[in-house]
Amino acid sequence: MTFSIFTLFPGLFEGFVRSSILARAIERGLVSVRLIDIRDFATDRHHVCDDAAYGGGPGMVMKPEPLAAALEASGAKAGKRVVYLTPAGRRFSQRMAGELAKEEEILLLCGRYEGIDQRVIDAFVSDEVSIGDYVLSGGEVAAMVVVDAVARLVPGVIAEDSLEEESFSRGLLEYPHYTRPEDFRGMRVPEVLLSGHHEKIRKWRLLKSLEKTMKHRPELLNQDGLPAEARELLREKRNPRLGRGATNPRLERGEREEGDGNERDQGT
């Protein structure tokens, strides 16, 4: 997998590509990152890459000529996936990351100022992508987000069993994690996690994933792809006969029977 990143500020990526999981993936030849300085494709002596917007208004717009030349030099017209990072794009998601991870190369176009000339988008861009409903100073940070999320899905970068347990992998947020010590300032690790009973731990984690998703991202529960067991738990949690905000007694009894005596961690 190759990430070709088009930017006015390639220096922003130096620490990013030399650290942690991405650096190891690059060393192992699983991933490569190319940094293309758009200014290198400007033809004037000052390497100007922006100009005032037609129609007036504040801010500058990135010029089409350097962008087009940079993209063409990297084969953007040869059917490659060209992703423009913009707050006006489609929301980036784990599903999209998985889709992009199937590509051999992704061209990531980082905008600046008020954005890039629309004609470049019309001629070269296959995907306009936003990482969230907010505005950044440029597309570089957004490009790092996309690279990190996609690279870790490339086969061999991260163990597959680790990926299967992560947030969004099954339509749910990930369950809580604990490590030593068992007791931290009076807050104990749930007993079920100390039991060594793998099936009870699995069920506890599924329940906690469901509870966390209901609390923080309830819209995810309306999507397809939830495991059958999670759907059944969800029906029980939403049972209107229990009353609004009530907890299903069977679930609570089952949780206590599995050894979770830590009422601080109930989360319901």
Protein backbone atom coordinates (compact mmCIF):
# COMPACT_ATOMS: atom_id res chain seq x y z
CA MET A 1 0.00 0.00 0.00
CA THR A 2 1.37 3.39 -1.03
CA PHE A 3 0.13 6.72 0.28
CA SER A 4 1.07 9.65 -1.96
CA ILE A 5 0.44 12.88 -0.06
CA PHE A 6 0.26 16.21 -1.90
CA THR A 7 0.92 19.13 0.42
CA LEU A 8 2.41 22.60 0.72
CA PHE A 9 3.97 21.57 4.04
CA PRO A 10 5.70 18.16 3.75
CA GLY A 11 7.70 18.85 6.90
CA LEU A 12 4.57 18.36 8.99
CA PHE A 13 4.71 14.62 8.23
CA GLU A 14 8.32 13.94 9.25
CA GLY A 15 7.61 12.83 12.82
CA PHE A 16 4.40 11.11 11.80
CA VAL A 17 6.03 8.67 9.37
CA ARG A 18 8.91 7.91 11.75
CA SER A 19 6.88 6.87 14.76
CA SER A 20 5.00 3.89 16.15
CA ILE A 21 3.03 1.39 14.06
CA LEU A 22 3.33 3.30 10.79
CA ALA A 23 7.13 3.46 11.04
CA ARG A 24 7.34 -0.29 11.64
CA ALA A 25 5.00 -0.97 8.71
CA ILE A 26 7.22 1.15 6.46
CA GLU A 27 10.37 -0.64 7.69
CA ARG A 28 8.76 -4.01 6.91
CA GLY A 29 7.76 -2.90 3.42
CA LEU A 30 4.03 -3.24 4.06
CA VAL A 31 3.34 0.47 3.60
CA SER A 32 5.13 3.32 1.86
CA VAL A 33 4.52 7.07 2.13
CA ARG A 34 5.46 9.54 -0.62
CA LEU A 35 5.45 13.24 0.19
CA ILE A 36 4.94 15.50 -2.82
CA ASP A 37 5.60 19.21 -2.32
CA ILE A 38 3.08 21.04 -4.50
CA ARG A 39 5.36 24.08 -4.65
CA ASP A 40 7.85 22.05 -6.71
CA PHE A 41 5.32 22.16 -9.56
CA ALA A 42 4.77 25.92 -9.57
CA THR A 43 6.45 27.53 -12.59
CA ASP A 44 7.10 31.06 -11.33
CA ARG A 45 10.29 31.92 -9.48
CA HIS A 46 8.48 32.45 -6.16
CA HIS A 47 6.62 29.11 -6.40
CA VAL A 48 3.25 30.77 -5.81
CA CYS A 49 0.46 28.24 -5.31
CA ASP A 50 -2.49 30.45 -4.34
CA ASP A 51 -4.43 33.42 -5.69
CA ALA A 52 -7.52 35.53 -4.95
CA ALA A 53 -10.93 34.00 -5.53
CA TYR A 54 -13.04 34.98 -8.51
CA GLY A 55 -16.19 36.70 -7.29
CA GLY A 56 -14.41 38.21 -4.32
CA GLY A 57 -14.53 37.22 -0.69
CA PRO A 58 -11.93 36.61 2.03
CA GLY A 59 -9.03 34.20 1.75
CA MET A 60 -7.06 32.69 -1.07
CA VAL A 61 -7.61 29.65 -3.27
CA MET A 62 -4.99 27.10 -4.30
CA LYS A 63 -4.17 27.51 -7.99
CA PRO A 64 -5.02 24.71 -10.42
CA GLU A 65 -1.78 24.60 -12.44
CA PRO A 66 0.63 23.34 -9.72
CA LEU A 67 -1.95 20.91 -8.38
CA ALA A 68 -2.73 19.47 -11.80
CA ALA A 69 0.95 19.13 -12.67
CA ALA A 70 1.72 17.36 -9.38
CA LEU A 71 -1.19 14.96 -9.74
CA GLU A 72 -0.43 14.18 -13.39
CA ALA A 73 3.21 13.47 -12.53
CA SER A 74 1.93 10.80 -10.11
CA GLY A 75 -0.44 9.19 -12.59
CA ALA A 76 -3.67 10.59 -11.18
CA LYS A 77 -5.39 10.10 -14.54
CA ALA A 78 -4.58 6.39 -14.60
CA GLY A 79 -7.58 5.38 -12.53
CA LYS A 80 -5.95 5.95 -9.16
CA ARG A 81 -7.96 6.83 -6.07
CA VAL A 82 -7.54 10.56 -5.44
CA VAL A 83 -8.85 11.69 -2.05
CA TYR A 84 -9.29 15.39 -1.35
CA LEU A 85 -9.44 16.18 2.38
CA THR A 86 -12.12 18.83 2.89
CA PRO A 87 -14.76 19.67 5.52
CA ALA A 88 -17.27 19.66 2.64
CA GLY A 89 -16.64 15.97 1.93
CA ARG A 90 -18.23 12.66 2.86
CA ARG A 91 -17.67 11.68 6.50
CA PHE A 92 -14.69 9.38 7.00
CA SER A 93 -15.52 6.14 8.80
CA GLN A 94 -14.08 2.75 9.68
CA ARG A 95 -16.02 1.29 6.77
CA MET A 96 -14.42 3.77 4.38
CA ALA A 97 -11.00 2.99 5.85
CA GLY A 98 -11.56 -0.68 5.07
CA GLU A 99 -12.59 0.20 1.55
CA LEU A 100 -9.48 2.33 0.97
CA ALA A 101 -7.23 -0.37 2.44
CA LYS A 102 -8.00 -2.54 -0.59
CA GLU A 103 -6.31 -0.06 -2.92
CA GLU A 104 -2.69 -0.42 -4.02
CA GLU A 105 -2.17 3.35 -3.88
CA ILE A 106 -4.11 6.31 -2.53
CA LEU A 107 -3.37 9.89 -3.52
CA LEU A 108 -4.21 12.28 -0.68
CA LEU A 109 -4.66 15.93 -1.61
CA CYS A 110 -4.24 18.40 1.27
CA GLY A 111 -5.98 21.71 0.77
CA ARG A 112 -5.10 25.03 2.39
CA TYR A 113 -6.59 28.51 2.66
CA GLU A 114 -10.19 28.54 1.32
CA GLY A 115 -9.60 25.27 -0.54
CA ILE A 116 -8.54 24.28 -4.05
CA ASP A 117 -9.81 25.38 -7.45
CA GLN A 118 -12.98 23.41 -8.25
CA ARG A 119 -11.65 22.47 -11.68
CA VAL A 120 -8.98 20.31 -10.05
CA ILE A 121 -11.69 18.50 -8.11
CA ASP A 122 -13.74 18.00 -11.27
CA ALA A 123 -10.79 16.70 -13.27
CA PHE A 124 -8.91 14.52 -10.77
CA VAL A 125 -10.66 13.84 -7.47
CA SER A 126 -12.51 10.56 -6.92
CA ASP A 127 -13.42 11.12 -3.25
CA GLU A 128 -14.00 14.24 -1.16
CA VAL A 129 -13.54 13.21 2.46
CA SER A 130 -14.07 14.96 5.79
CA ILE A 131 -12.83 13.64 9.13
CA GLY A 132 -15.48 15.55 11.07
CA ASP A 133 -17.77 18.53 11.34
CA TYR A 134 -15.12 21.13 12.10
CA VAL A 135 -12.55 23.17 10.18
CA LEU A 136 -8.77 22.72 10.29
CA SER A 137 -6.05 25.00 8.98
CA GLY A 138 -5.28 22.51 6.23
CA GLY A 139 -5.73 18.94 5.08
CA GLU A 140 -2.45 17.64 6.49
CA VAL A 141 -3.80 16.58 9.88
CA ALA A 142 -6.81 15.00 8.17
CA ALA A 143 -4.47 13.12 5.83
CA MET A 144 -2.59 11.74 8.83
CA VAL A 145 -5.87 10.49 10.26
CA VAL A 146 -6.72 8.70 7.02
CA VAL A 147 -3.23 7.21 6.64
CA ASP A 148 -3.21 5.93 10.21
CA ALA A 149 -6.70 4.43 10.02
CA VAL A 150 -6.12 2.79 6.64
CA ALA A 151 -2.54 1.58 7.18
CA ARG A 152 -3.46 -0.41 10.28
CA LEU A 153 -5.97 -2.38 8.13
CA VAL A 154 -3.31 -3.42 5.61
CA PRO A 155 -2.69 -7.16 6.11
CA GLY A 156 0.27 -7.80 8.38
CA VAL A 157 0.44 -4.36 9.96
CA ILE A 158 -1.64 -5.35 13.01
CA ALA A 159 -2.73 -8.80 14.17
CA GLU A 160 -6.19 -9.64 12.83
CA ASP A 161 -7.54 -10.70 16.23
CA SER A 162 -6.72 -7.22 17.58
CA LEU A 163 -8.64 -5.57 14.76
CA GLU A 164 -11.71 -7.73 15.37
CA GLU A 165 -12.13 -6.36 18.91
CA GLU A 166 -11.82 -2.65 18.09
CA SER A 167 -14.54 -0.01 18.07
CA PHE A 168 -16.75 -0.07 14.95
CA SER A 169 -15.45 -3.47 13.85
CA ARG A 170 -18.80 -5.08 14.83
CA GLY A 171 -20.94 -1.96 14.76
CA LEU A 172 -20.27 -1.25 18.45
CA LEU A 173 -17.86 0.87 20.43
CA GLU A 174 -15.11 -1.04 22.18
CA TYR A 175 -15.55 -2.27 25.75
CA PRO A 176 -13.58 -0.77 28.71
CA HIS A 177 -10.02 -1.91 29.38
CA TYR A 178 -8.18 -2.42 32.68
CA THR A 179 -4.61 -3.24 33.69
CA ARG A 180 -2.59 -3.46 36.92
CA PRO A 181 -3.08 -2.63 39.75
CA GLU A 182 -6.33 -4.39 40.64
CA ASP A 183 -7.26 -1.56 43.00
CA PHE A 184 -6.58 2.03 41.97
CA ARG A 185 -7.74 4.65 44.48
CA GLY A 186 -10.61 2.46 45.59
CA MET A 187 -11.72 1.59 42.07
CA ARG A 188 -11.36 -2.13 41.48
CA VAL A 189 -11.06 -4.11 38.28
CA PRO A 190 -14.35 -5.97 37.64
CA GLU A 191 -14.07 -9.44 39.12
CA VAL A 192 -15.21 -11.13 35.93
CA LEU A 193 -12.00 -10.00 34.22
CA LEU A 194 -9.96 -11.71 36.94
CA SER A 195 -11.95 -14.95 36.78
CA GLY A 196 -10.12 -16.54 33.84
CA HIS A 197 -13.51 -17.67 32.50
CA HIS A 198 -13.23 -16.75 28.80
CA GLU A 199 -16.91 -17.12 27.93
CA LYS A 200 -18.04 -14.96 30.86
CA ILE A 201 -15.43 -12.35 29.92
CA ARG A 202 -16.63 -12.38 26.31
CA LYS A 203 -20.26 -11.83 27.35
CA TRP A 204 -19.29 -9.07 29.81
CA ARG A 205 -17.33 -7.28 27.09
CA LEU A 206 -20.19 -7.54 24.63
CA LEU A 207 -22.61 -6.12 27.20
CA LYS A 208 -20.25 -3.25 28.04
CA SER A 209 -19.73 -2.50 24.35
CA LEU A 210 -23.47 -2.32 23.90
CA GLU A 211 -23.92 -0.06 26.93
CA LYS A 212 -21.15 2.29 25.82
CA THR A 213 -22.61 2.50 22.31
CA MET A 214 -26.09 3.21 23.67
CA LYS A 215 -24.66 6.01 25.82
CA HIS A 216 -22.25 7.69 23.39
CA ARG A 217 -23.21 6.69 19.83
CA PRO A 218 -26.78 5.35 19.80
CA GLU A 219 -27.11 6.00 16.06
CA LEU A 220 -24.68 3.15 15.41
CA LEU A 221 -27.22 0.69 16.77
CA ASN A 222 -29.54 1.39 13.84
CA GLN A 223 -27.02 0.15 11.28
CA ASP A 224 -26.79 -3.30 9.77
CA GLY A 225 -24.06 -5.66 10.86
CA LEU A 226 -24.69 -5.98 14.60
CA PRO A 227 -24.00 -9.51 15.84
CA ALA A 228 -27.17 -11.51 16.57
CA GLU A 229 -26.27 -11.75 20.25
CA ALA A 230 -25.86 -7.97 20.45
CA ARG A 231 -29.23 -7.44 18.76
CA GLU A 232 -30.89 -9.69 21.33
CA LEU A 233 -29.27 -7.80 24.21
CA LEU A 234 -30.35 -4.55 22.63
CA ARG A 235 -33.98 -5.71 22.41
CA GLU A 236 -33.87 -6.61 26.08
CA LYS A 237 -32.35 -3.25 27.05
CA ARG A 238 -34.98 -1.39 25.02
CA ASN A 239 -37.94 -3.44 26.25
CA PRO A 240 -40.62 -0.76 26.91
CA ARG A 241 -42.24 -2.90 29.63
CA LEU A 242 -39.22 -2.20 31.80
CA GLY A 243 -39.96 1.55 31.75
CA ARG A 244 -37.83 4.39 30.49
CA GLY A 245 -34.28 4.24 31.82
CA ALA A 246 -34.94 0.99 33.68
CA THR A 247 -32.44 -1.83 33.67
CA ASN A 248 -33.32 -5.36 32.65
CA PRO A 249 -33.19 -7.41 35.88
CA ARG A 250 -32.19 -10.56 34.00
CA LEU A 251 -29.20 -8.84 32.48
CA GLU A 252 -28.17 -7.40 35.83
CA ARG A 253 -28.50 -10.77 37.55
CA GLY A 254 -26.54 -12.42 34.79
CA GLU A 255 -23.78 -9.86 35.15
CA ARG A 256 -23.55 -10.38 38.89
CA GLU A 257 -23.62 -14.12 38.41
CA GLU A 258 -20.62 -13.69 36.14
CA GLY A 259 -18.71 -12.20 39.02
CA ASP A 260 -18.81 -8.45 38.39
CA GLY A 261 -19.31 -7.07 41.87
CA ASN A 262 -18.01 -3.61 40.98
CA GLU A 263 -21.05 -1.35 41.04
CA ARG A 264 -18.93 1.64 39.99
CA ASP A 265 -18.50 0.03 36.58
CA GLN A 266 -22.12 -0.83 35.83
CA GLY A 267 -22.46 2.10 33.42
CA THR A 268 -26.24 1.78 33.12
